[in-house]
Amino acid sequence: PRVVLNFKWGDPAAEILVYVDADFAGCTATRKSTSGG
């Protein structure tokens, strides 16, 4: 029921890192895919 997201002190990172993924044809009714990131 209760979760927290932690942001710890630290030096600023030099880059923003983006993870992406997709579930191909994951919807069995429409065969549309889902993008996540």
Full PDB file with SEQRES, HELIX, SHEET, SSBOND, CRYST1, ORIGX, SCALE, CONECT and MASTER records, all heavy atoms in Angstrom:
SEQRES   1 A   37  PRO ARG VAL VAL LEU ASN PHE LYS TRP GLY ASP PRO ALA          
SEQRES   2 A   37  ALA GLU ILE LEU VAL TYR VAL ASP ALA ASP PHE ALA GLY          
SEQRES   3 A   37  CYS THR ALA THR ARG LYS SER THR SER GLY GLY                  
SHEET    1 AA1 2 ASP A  21  ASP A  23  0                                        
SHEET    2 AA1 2 THR A  34  GLY A  36 -1                                        
CRYST1    1.000    1.000    1.000  90.00  90.00  90.00 P 1           1          
ORIGX1      1.000000  0.000000  0.000000        0.00000                         
ORIGX2      0.000000  1.000000  0.000000        0.00000                         
ORIGX3      0.000000  0.000000  1.000000        0.00000                         
SCALE1      1.000000  0.000000  0.000000        0.00000                         
SCALE2      0.000000  1.000000  0.000000        0.00000                         
SCALE3      0.000000  0.000000  1.000000        0.00000                         
ATOM      1  N   PRO A   1       0.799  -1.227   0.000  1.00  0.00           N  
ATOM      2  CA  PRO A   1       0.000   0.000   0.000  1.00  0.00           C  
ATOM      3  C   PRO A   1       0.828   1.271   0.000  1.00  0.00           C  
ATOM      4  O   PRO A   1       0.363   2.316  -0.430  1.00  0.00           O  
ATOM      5  CB  PRO A   1      -0.804  -0.116   1.301  1.00  0.00           C  
ATOM      6  CG  PRO A   1       0.068  -0.944   2.193  1.00  0.00           C  
ATOM      7  CD  PRO A   1       0.741  -1.930   1.293  1.00  0.00           C  
ATOM      8  N   ARG A   2       2.075   1.164   0.461  1.00  0.00           N  
ATOM      9  CA  ARG A   2       2.876   2.379   0.607  1.00  0.00           C  
ATOM     10  C   ARG A   2       4.278   2.153   0.048  1.00  0.00           C  
ATOM     11  O   ARG A   2       5.003   1.252   0.492  1.00  0.00           O  
ATOM     12  CB  ARG A   2       2.956   2.771   2.081  1.00  0.00           C  
ATOM     13  CG  ARG A   2       3.627   4.103   2.314  1.00  0.00           C  
ATOM     14  CD  ARG A   2       3.708   4.432   3.789  1.00  0.00           C  
ATOM     15  NE  ARG A   2       4.543   5.619   3.989  1.00  0.00           N  
ATOM     16  CZ  ARG A   2       5.156   5.914   5.118  1.00  0.00           C  
ATOM     17  NH1 ARG A   2       5.040   5.128   6.175  1.00  0.00           N  
ATOM     18  NH2 ARG A   2       5.898   7.007   5.197  1.00  0.00           N  
ATOM     19  N   VAL A   3       4.650   2.939  -0.936  1.00  0.00           N  
ATOM     20  CA  VAL A   3       5.999   2.893  -1.497  1.00  0.00           C  
ATOM     21  C   VAL A   3       6.549   4.316  -1.546  1.00  0.00           C  
ATOM     22  O   VAL A   3       5.789   5.287  -1.658  1.00  0.00           O  
ATOM     23  CB  VAL A   3       6.035   2.265  -2.908  1.00  0.00           C  
ATOM     24  CG1 VAL A   3       5.536   0.841  -2.886  1.00  0.00           C  
ATOM     25  CG2 VAL A   3       5.220   3.098  -3.889  1.00  0.00           C  
ATOM     26  N   VAL A   4       7.859   4.429  -1.444  1.00  0.00           N  
ATOM     27  CA  VAL A   4       8.523   5.728  -1.535  1.00  0.00           C  
ATOM     28  C   VAL A   4       9.623   5.651  -2.583  1.00  0.00           C  
ATOM     29  O   VAL A   4      10.223   4.594  -2.800  1.00  0.00           O  
ATOM     30  CB  VAL A   4       9.117   6.168  -0.172  1.00  0.00           C  
ATOM     31  CG1 VAL A   4       8.018   6.381   0.850  1.00  0.00           C  
ATOM     32  CG2 VAL A   4      10.123   5.133   0.342  1.00  0.00           C  
ATOM     33  N   LEU A   5       9.871   6.763  -3.247  1.00  0.00           N  
ATOM     34  CA  LEU A   5      10.930   6.860  -4.248  1.00  0.00           C  
ATOM     35  C   LEU A   5      12.039   7.735  -3.672  1.00  0.00           C  
ATOM     36  O   LEU A   5      11.779   8.848  -3.209  1.00  0.00           O  
ATOM     37  CB  LEU A   5      10.390   7.469  -5.541  1.00  0.00           C  
ATOM     38  CG  LEU A   5      11.371   7.629  -6.707  1.00  0.00           C  
ATOM     39  CD1 LEU A   5      11.980   6.295  -7.091  1.00  0.00           C  
ATOM     40  CD2 LEU A   5      10.656   8.256  -7.913  1.00  0.00           C  
ATOM     41  N   ASN A   6      13.248   7.216  -3.678  1.00  0.00           N  
ATOM     42  CA  ASN A   6      14.378   7.900  -3.056  1.00  0.00           C  
ATOM     43  C   ASN A   6      15.197   8.680  -4.083  1.00  0.00           C  
ATOM     44  O   ASN A   6      15.506   8.178  -5.162  1.00  0.00           O  
ATOM     45  CB  ASN A   6      15.286   6.881  -2.359  1.00  0.00           C  
ATOM     46  CG  ASN A   6      14.600   6.198  -1.199  1.00  0.00           C  
ATOM     47  OD1 ASN A   6      13.831   6.823  -0.463  1.00  0.00           O  
ATOM     48  ND2 ASN A   6      14.853   4.912  -1.014  1.00  0.00           N  
ATOM     49  N   PHE A   7      15.537   9.900  -3.727  1.00  0.00           N  
ATOM     50  CA  PHE A   7      16.455  10.735  -4.504  1.00  0.00           C  
ATOM     51  C   PHE A   7      17.617  11.107  -3.571  1.00  0.00           C  
ATOM     52  O   PHE A   7      17.457  11.959  -2.693  1.00  0.00           O  
ATOM     53  CB  PHE A   7      15.755  11.995  -5.017  1.00  0.00           C  
ATOM     54  CG  PHE A   7      14.636  11.718  -5.975  1.00  0.00           C  
ATOM     55  CD1 PHE A   7      13.339  11.577  -5.523  1.00  0.00           C  
ATOM     56  CD2 PHE A   7      14.889  11.583  -7.329  1.00  0.00           C  
ATOM     57  CE1 PHE A   7      12.300  11.323  -6.403  1.00  0.00           C  
ATOM     58  CE2 PHE A   7      13.856  11.325  -8.220  1.00  0.00           C  
ATOM     59  CZ  PHE A   7      12.557  11.189  -7.751  1.00  0.00           C  
ATOM     60  N   LYS A   8      18.760  10.468  -3.758  1.00  0.00           N  
ATOM     61  CA  LYS A   8      19.881  10.654  -2.839  1.00  0.00           C  
ATOM     62  C   LYS A   8      20.769  11.803  -3.283  1.00  0.00           C  
ATOM     63  O   LYS A   8      20.942  12.063  -4.473  1.00  0.00           O  
ATOM     64  CB  LYS A   8      20.694   9.355  -2.746  1.00  0.00           C  
ATOM     65  CG  LYS A   8      19.884   8.180  -2.207  1.00  0.00           C  
ATOM     66  CD  LYS A   8      20.712   6.900  -2.136  1.00  0.00           C  
ATOM     67  CE  LYS A   8      19.873   5.750  -1.594  1.00  0.00           C  
ATOM     68  NZ  LYS A   8      20.645   4.492  -1.525  1.00  0.00           N  
ATOM     69  N   TRP A   9      21.355  12.502  -2.290  1.00  0.00           N  
ATOM     70  CA  TRP A   9      22.293  13.567  -2.602  1.00  0.00           C  
ATOM     71  C   TRP A   9      23.480  12.995  -3.380  1.00  0.00           C  
ATOM     72  O   TRP A   9      23.895  11.856  -3.162  1.00  0.00           O  
ATOM     73  CB  TRP A   9      22.822  14.235  -1.335  1.00  0.00           C  
ATOM     74  CG  TRP A   9      21.799  14.773  -0.377  1.00  0.00           C  
ATOM     75  CD1 TRP A   9      21.748  14.543   0.957  1.00  0.00           C  
ATOM     76  CD2 TRP A   9      20.696  15.649  -0.660  1.00  0.00           C  
ATOM     77  NE1 TRP A   9      20.690  15.207   1.518  1.00  0.00           N  
ATOM     78  CE2 TRP A   9      20.030  15.902   0.552  1.00  0.00           C  
ATOM     79  CE3 TRP A   9      20.218  16.248  -1.821  1.00  0.00           C  
ATOM     80  CZ2 TRP A   9      18.910  16.718   0.644  1.00  0.00           C  
ATOM     81  CZ3 TRP A   9      19.086  17.053  -1.731  1.00  0.00           C  
ATOM     82  CH2 TRP A   9      18.457  17.292  -0.526  1.00  0.00           C  
ATOM     83  N   GLY A  10      24.031  13.768  -4.267  1.00  0.00           N  
ATOM     84  CA  GLY A  10      25.206  13.335  -5.022  1.00  0.00           C  
ATOM     85  C   GLY A  10      25.581  14.371  -6.062  1.00  0.00           C  
ATOM     86  O   GLY A  10      24.843  15.322  -6.322  1.00  0.00           O  
ATOM     87  N   ASP A  11      26.725  14.184  -6.657  1.00  0.00           N  
ATOM     88  CA  ASP A  11      27.161  15.083  -7.719  1.00  0.00           C  
ATOM     89  C   ASP A  11      26.285  14.893  -8.959  1.00  0.00           C  
ATOM     90  O   ASP A  11      25.886  13.764  -9.271  1.00  0.00           O  
ATOM     91  CB  ASP A  11      28.623  14.816  -8.082  1.00  0.00           C  
ATOM     92  CG  ASP A  11      29.565  15.121  -6.926  1.00  0.00           C  
ATOM     93  OD1 ASP A  11      29.236  16.027  -6.133  1.00  0.00           O  
ATOM     94  OD2 ASP A  11      30.606  14.439  -6.810  1.00  0.00           O  
ATOM     95  N   PRO A  12      25.982  15.961  -9.694  1.00  0.00           N  
ATOM     96  CA  PRO A  12      25.156  15.830 -10.900  1.00  0.00           C  
ATOM     97  C   PRO A  12      25.810  14.904 -11.921  1.00  0.00           C  
ATOM     98  O   PRO A  12      27.014  15.004 -12.186  1.00  0.00           O  
ATOM     99  CB  PRO A  12      25.065  17.266 -11.425  1.00  0.00           C  
ATOM    100  CG  PRO A  12      25.352  18.132 -10.247  1.00  0.00           C  
ATOM    101  CD  PRO A  12      26.329  17.365  -9.410  1.00  0.00           C  
ATOM    102  N   ALA A  13      25.029  13.986 -12.469  1.00  0.00           N  
ATOM    103  CA  ALA A  13      25.543  13.075 -13.492  1.00  0.00           C  
ATOM    104  C   ALA A  13      25.730  13.822 -14.808  1.00  0.00           C  
ATOM    105  O   ALA A  13      25.035  14.810 -15.087  1.00  0.00           O  
ATOM    106  CB  ALA A  13      24.589  11.901 -13.676  1.00  0.00           C  
ATOM    107  N   ALA A  14      26.655  13.351 -15.619  1.00  0.00           N  
ATOM    108  CA  ALA A  14      26.965  14.026 -16.888  1.00  0.00           C  
ATOM    109  C   ALA A  14      25.962  13.706 -17.980  1.00  0.00           C  
ATOM    110  O   ALA A  14      25.902  14.418 -18.984  1.00  0.00           O  
ATOM    111  CB  ALA A  14      28.370  13.635 -17.347  1.00  0.00           C  
ATOM    112  N   GLU A  15      25.174  12.628 -17.812  1.00  0.00           N  
ATOM    113  CA  GLU A  15      24.241  12.256 -18.861  1.00  0.00           C  
ATOM    114  C   GLU A  15      22.917  11.769 -18.276  1.00  0.00           C  
ATOM    115  O   GLU A  15      22.851  11.309 -17.134  1.00  0.00           O  
ATOM    116  CB  GLU A  15      24.831  11.157 -19.749  1.00  0.00           C  
ATOM    117  CG  GLU A  15      25.038   9.822 -19.058  1.00  0.00           C  
ATOM    118  CD  GLU A  15      25.589   8.760 -20.000  1.00  0.00           C  
ATOM    119  OE1 GLU A  15      26.015   9.086 -21.114  1.00  0.00           O  
ATOM    120  OE2 GLU A  15      25.580   7.572 -19.602  1.00  0.00           O  
ATOM    121  N   ILE A  16      21.898  11.913 -19.074  1.00  0.00           N  
ATOM    122  CA  ILE A  16      20.592  11.327 -18.771  1.00  0.00           C  
ATOM    123  C   ILE A  16      20.515  10.004 -19.510  1.00  0.00           C  
ATOM    124  O   ILE A  16      20.781   9.933 -20.716  1.00  0.00           O  
ATOM    125  CB  ILE A  16      19.454  12.271 -19.203  1.00  0.00           C  
ATOM    126  CG1 ILE A  16      19.328  13.422 -18.210  1.00  0.00           C  
ATOM    127  CG2 ILE A  16      18.145  11.522 -19.313  1.00  0.00           C  
ATOM    128  CD1 ILE A  16      18.246  14.419 -18.568  1.00  0.00           C  
ATOM    129  N   LEU A  17      20.162   8.954 -18.791  1.00  0.00           N  
ATOM    130  CA  LEU A  17      20.136   7.608 -19.347  1.00  0.00           C  
ATOM    131  C   LEU A  17      18.683   7.154 -19.480  1.00  0.00           C  
ATOM    132  O   LEU A  17      17.926   7.188 -18.509  1.00  0.00           O  
ATOM    133  CB  LEU A  17      20.909   6.651 -18.441  1.00  0.00           C  
ATOM    134  CG  LEU A  17      21.148   5.224 -18.932  1.00  0.00           C  
ATOM    135  CD1 LEU A  17      21.866   5.240 -20.275  1.00  0.00           C  
ATOM    136  CD2 LEU A  17      21.950   4.447 -17.910  1.00  0.00           C  
ATOM    137  N   VAL A  18      18.315   6.753 -20.685  1.00  0.00           N  
ATOM    138  CA  VAL A  18      16.931   6.363 -20.970  1.00  0.00           C  
ATOM    139  C   VAL A  18      16.895   4.899 -21.376  1.00  0.00           C  
ATOM    140  O   VAL A  18      17.534   4.505 -22.358  1.00  0.00           O  
ATOM    141  CB  VAL A  18      16.324   7.230 -22.091  1.00  0.00           C  
ATOM    142  CG1 VAL A  18      14.854   6.879 -22.294  1.00  0.00           C  
ATOM    143  CG2 VAL A  18      16.481   8.706 -21.777  1.00  0.00           C  
ATOM    144  N   TYR A  19      16.164   4.096 -20.617  1.00  0.00           N  
ATOM    145  CA  TYR A  19      15.950   2.683 -20.953  1.00  0.00           C  
ATOM    146  C   TYR A  19      14.603   2.560 -21.658  1.00  0.00           C  
ATOM    147  O   TYR A  19      13.600   3.116 -21.211  1.00  0.00           O  
ATOM    148  CB  TYR A  19      15.942   1.821 -19.697  1.00  0.00           C  
ATOM    149  CG  TYR A  19      17.264   1.750 -18.974  1.00  0.00           C  
ATOM    150  CD1 TYR A  19      17.575   2.660 -17.975  1.00  0.00           C  
ATOM    151  CD2 TYR A  19      18.202   0.769 -19.287  1.00  0.00           C  
ATOM    152  CE1 TYR A  19      18.786   2.603 -17.306  1.00  0.00           C  
ATOM    153  CE2 TYR A  19      19.414   0.706 -18.623  1.00  0.00           C  
ATOM    154  CZ  TYR A  19      19.701   1.621 -17.641  1.00  0.00           C  
ATOM    155  OH  TYR A  19      20.898   1.561 -16.979  1.00  0.00           O  
ATOM    156  N   VAL A  20      14.578   1.822 -22.768  1.00  0.00           N  
ATOM    157  CA  VAL A  20      13.329   1.632 -23.506  1.00  0.00           C  
ATOM    158  C   VAL A  20      13.135   0.153 -23.815  1.00  0.00           C  
ATOM    159  O   VAL A  20      14.102  -0.620 -23.918  1.00  0.00           O  
ATOM    160  CB  VAL A  20      13.310   2.445 -24.826  1.00  0.00           C  
ATOM    161  CG1 VAL A  20      13.316   3.932 -24.532  1.00  0.00           C  
ATOM    162  CG2 VAL A  20      14.475   2.073 -25.734  1.00  0.00           C  
ATOM    163  N   ASP A  21      11.878  -0.227 -23.964  1.00  0.00           N  
ATOM    164  CA  ASP A  21      11.548  -1.612 -24.286  1.00  0.00           C  
ATOM    165  C   ASP A  21      10.172  -1.631 -24.924  1.00  0.00           C  
ATOM    166  O   ASP A  21       9.413  -0.645 -24.843  1.00  0.00           O  
ATOM    167  CB  ASP A  21      11.567  -2.481 -23.025  1.00  0.00           C  
ATOM    168  CG  ASP A  21      11.582  -3.970 -23.346  1.00  0.00           C  
ATOM    169  OD1 ASP A  21      11.899  -4.323 -24.499  1.00  0.00           O  
ATOM    170  OD2 ASP A  21      11.262  -4.781 -22.454  1.00  0.00           O  
ATOM    171  N   ALA A  22       9.831  -2.739 -25.568  1.00  0.00           N  
ATOM    172  CA  ALA A  22       8.508  -2.895 -26.175  1.00  0.00           C  
ATOM    173  C   ALA A  22       8.082  -4.346 -26.051  1.00  0.00           C  
ATOM    174  O   ALA A  22       8.906  -5.266 -26.074  1.00  0.00           O  
ATOM    175  CB  ALA A  22       8.523  -2.470 -27.643  1.00  0.00           C  
ATOM    176  N   ASP A  23       6.783  -4.539 -25.910  1.00  0.00           N  
ATOM    177  CA  ASP A  23       6.191  -5.875 -25.915  1.00  0.00           C  
ATOM    178  C   ASP A  23       5.458  -6.041 -27.238  1.00  0.00           C  
ATOM    179  O   ASP A  23       4.370  -5.494 -27.422  1.00  0.00           O  
ATOM    180  CB  ASP A  23       5.231  -6.021 -24.726  1.00  0.00           C  
ATOM    181  CG  ASP A  23       4.613  -7.405 -24.661  1.00  0.00           C  
ATOM    182  OD1 ASP A  23       5.283  -8.363 -25.078  1.00  0.00           O  
ATOM    183  OD2 ASP A  23       3.459  -7.533 -24.203  1.00  0.00           O  
ATOM    184  N   PHE A  24       6.063  -6.766 -28.162  1.00  0.00           N  
ATOM    185  CA  PHE A  24       5.530  -6.895 -29.517  1.00  0.00           C  
ATOM    186  C   PHE A  24       4.184  -7.638 -29.520  1.00  0.00           C  
ATOM    187  O   PHE A  24       4.084  -8.749 -29.012  1.00  0.00           O  
ATOM    188  CB  PHE A  24       6.533  -7.627 -30.402  1.00  0.00           C  
ATOM    189  CG  PHE A  24       5.997  -8.008 -31.754  1.00  0.00           C  
ATOM    190  CD1 PHE A  24       5.414  -7.055 -32.571  1.00  0.00           C  
ATOM    191  CD2 PHE A  24       6.086  -9.311 -32.216  1.00  0.00           C  
ATOM    192  CE1 PHE A  24       4.922  -7.393 -33.821  1.00  0.00           C  
ATOM    193  CE2 PHE A  24       5.608  -9.659 -33.461  1.00  0.00           C  
ATOM    194  CZ  PHE A  24       5.022  -8.699 -34.265  1.00  0.00           C  
ATOM    195  N   ALA A  25       3.149  -6.990 -30.092  1.00  0.00           N  
ATOM    196  CA  ALA A  25       1.817  -7.593 -30.255  1.00  0.00           C  
ATOM    197  C   ALA A  25       1.288  -8.137 -28.935  1.00  0.00           C  
ATOM    198  O   ALA A  25       0.625  -9.170 -28.894  1.00  0.00           O  
ATOM    199  CB  ALA A  25       1.856  -8.691 -31.313  1.00  0.00           C  
ATOM    200  N   GLY A  26       1.557  -7.414 -27.856  1.00  0.00           N  
ATOM    201  CA  GLY A  26       1.174  -7.908 -26.537  1.00  0.00           C  
ATOM    202  C   GLY A  26      -0.314  -7.938 -26.295  1.00  0.00           C  
ATOM    203  O   GLY A  26      -0.801  -8.723 -25.488  1.00  0.00           O  
ATOM    204  N   CYS A  27      -1.089  -7.091 -26.972  1.00  0.00           N  
ATOM    205  CA  CYS A  27      -2.541  -7.095 -26.814  1.00  0.00           C  
ATOM    206  C   CYS A  27      -3.125  -8.196 -27.688  1.00  0.00           C  
ATOM    207  O   CYS A  27      -3.044  -8.127 -28.925  1.00  0.00           O  
ATOM    208  CB  CYS A  27      -3.136  -5.742 -27.196  1.00  0.00           C  
ATOM    209  SG  CYS A  27      -4.945  -5.697 -27.090  1.00  0.00           S  
ATOM    210  N   THR A  28      -3.698  -9.214 -27.070  1.00  0.00           N  
ATOM    211  CA  THR A  28      -4.214 -10.345 -27.845  1.00  0.00           C  
ATOM    212  C   THR A  28      -5.470 -10.003 -28.619  1.00  0.00           C  
ATOM    213  O   THR A  28      -5.841 -10.733 -29.543  1.00  0.00           O  
ATOM    214  CB  THR A  28      -4.505 -11.526 -26.897  1.00  0.00           C  
ATOM    215  OG1 THR A  28      -5.382 -11.083 -25.853  1.00  0.00           O  
ATOM    216  CG2 THR A  28      -3.221 -12.049 -26.279  1.00  0.00           C  
ATOM    217  N   ALA A  29      -6.147  -8.920 -28.261  1.00  0.00           N  
ATOM    218  CA  ALA A  29      -7.364  -8.537 -28.967  1.00  0.00           C  
ATOM    219  C   ALA A  29      -7.067  -7.702 -30.206  1.00  0.00           C  
ATOM    220  O   ALA A  29      -7.673  -7.899 -31.260  1.00  0.00           O  
ATOM    221  CB  ALA A  29      -8.299  -7.764 -28.032  1.00  0.00           C  
ATOM    222  N   THR A  30      -6.123  -6.755 -30.111  1.00  0.00           N  
ATOM    223  CA  THR A  30      -5.834  -5.848 -31.225  1.00  0.00           C  
ATOM    224  C   THR A  30      -4.472  -6.088 -31.855  1.00  0.00           C  
ATOM    225  O   THR A  30      -4.186  -5.552 -32.919  1.00  0.00           O  
ATOM    226  CB  THR A  30      -5.878  -4.391 -30.749  1.00  0.00           C  
ATOM    227  OG1 THR A  30      -4.809  -4.173 -29.799  1.00  0.00           O  
ATOM    228  CG2 THR A  30      -7.208  -4.074 -30.075  1.00  0.00           C  
ATOM    229  N   ARG A  31      -3.615  -6.847 -31.190  1.00  0.00           N  
ATOM    230  CA  ARG A  31      -2.235  -7.094 -31.624  1.00  0.00           C  
ATOM    231  C   ARG A  31      -1.396  -5.820 -31.637  1.00  0.00           C  
ATOM    232  O   ARG A  31      -0.374  -5.755 -32.333  1.00  0.00           O  
ATOM    233  CB  ARG A  31      -2.192  -7.766 -32.997  1.00  0.00           C  
ATOM    234  CG  ARG A  31      -2.600  -9.218 -32.941  1.00  0.00           C  
ATOM    235  CD  ARG A  31      -1.691  -9.987 -32.016  1.00  0.00           C  
ATOM    236  NE  ARG A  31      -2.205 -11.325 -31.731  1.00  0.00           N  
ATOM    237  CZ  ARG A  31      -1.997 -11.969 -30.615  1.00  0.00           C  
ATOM    238  NH1 ARG A  31      -1.324 -11.392 -29.647  1.00  0.00           N  
ATOM    239  NH2 ARG A  31      -2.471 -13.176 -30.424  1.00  0.00           N  
ATOM    240  N   LYS A  32      -1.797  -4.820 -30.895  1.00  0.00           N  
ATOM    241  CA  LYS A  32      -0.963  -3.644 -30.735  1.00  0.00           C  
ATOM    242  C   LYS A  32       0.119  -3.914 -29.684  1.00  0.00           C  
ATOM    243  O   LYS A  32      -0.061  -4.734 -28.785  1.00  0.00           O  
ATOM    244  CB  LYS A  32      -1.797  -2.437 -30.332  1.00  0.00           C  
ATOM    245  CG  LYS A  32      -2.679  -1.908 -31.461  1.00  0.00           C  
ATOM    246  CD  LYS A  32      -3.399  -0.639 -31.057  1.00  0.00           C  
ATOM    247  CE  LYS A  32      -4.208  -0.075 -32.224  1.00  0.00           C  
ATOM    248  NZ  LYS A  32      -4.901   1.191 -31.855  1.00  0.00           N  
ATOM    249  N   SER A  33       1.225  -3.206 -29.811  1.00  0.00           N  
ATOM    250  CA  SER A  33       2.353  -3.379 -28.901  1.00  0.00           C  
ATOM    251  C   SER A  33       2.336  -2.284 -27.849  1.00  0.00           C  
ATOM    252  O   SER A  33       1.654  -1.270 -27.983  1.00  0.00           O  
ATOM    253  CB  SER A  33       3.674  -3.332 -29.684  1.00  0.00           C  
ATOM    254  OG  SER A  33       3.668  -4.255 -30.750  1.00  0.00           O  
ATOM    255  N   THR A  34       3.110  -2.494 -26.800  1.00  0.00           N  
ATOM    256  CA  THR A  34       3.237  -1.518 -25.719  1.00  0.00           C  
ATOM    257  C   THR A  34       4.667  -1.034 -25.632  1.00  0.00           C  
ATOM    258  O   THR A  34       5.607  -1.839 -25.653  1.00  0.00           O  
ATOM    259  CB  THR A  34       2.830  -2.134 -24.369  1.00  0.00           C  
ATOM    260  OG1 THR A  34       1.435  -2.446 -24.396  1.00  0.00           O  
ATOM    261  CG2 THR A  34       3.089  -1.173 -23.211  1.00  0.00           C  
ATOM    262  N   SER A  35       4.838   0.283 -25.560  1.00  0.00           N  
ATOM    263  CA  SER A  35       6.156   0.885 -25.330  1.00  0.00           C  
ATOM    264  C   SER A  35       6.306   1.234 -23.856  1.00  0.00           C  
ATOM    265  O   SER A  35       5.370   1.743 -23.236  1.00  0.00           O  
ATOM    266  CB  SER A  35       6.332   2.162 -26.167  1.00  0.00           C  
ATOM    267  OG  SER A  35       6.297   1.880 -27.538  1.00  0.00           O  
ATOM    268  N   GLY A  36       7.489   0.959 -23.319  1.00  0.00           N  
ATOM    269  CA  GLY A  36       7.772   1.319 -21.931  1.00  0.00           C  
ATOM    270  C   GLY A  36       9.121   1.996 -21.848  1.00  0.00           C  
ATOM    271  O   GLY A  36       9.993   1.790 -22.705  1.00  0.00           O  
ATOM    272  N   GLY A  37       9.299   2.807 -20.832  1.00  0.00           N  
ATOM    273  CA  GLY A  37      10.579   3.486 -20.684  1.00  0.00           C  
ATOM    274  C   GLY A  37      10.797   3.998 -19.279  1.00  0.00           C  
ATOM    275  O   GLY A  37       9.863   4.119 -18.480  1.00  0.00           O  
TER     276      GLY A  37                                                      
MASTER        0    0    0    0    2    0    0    6  275    1    0    3          
END                                                                             
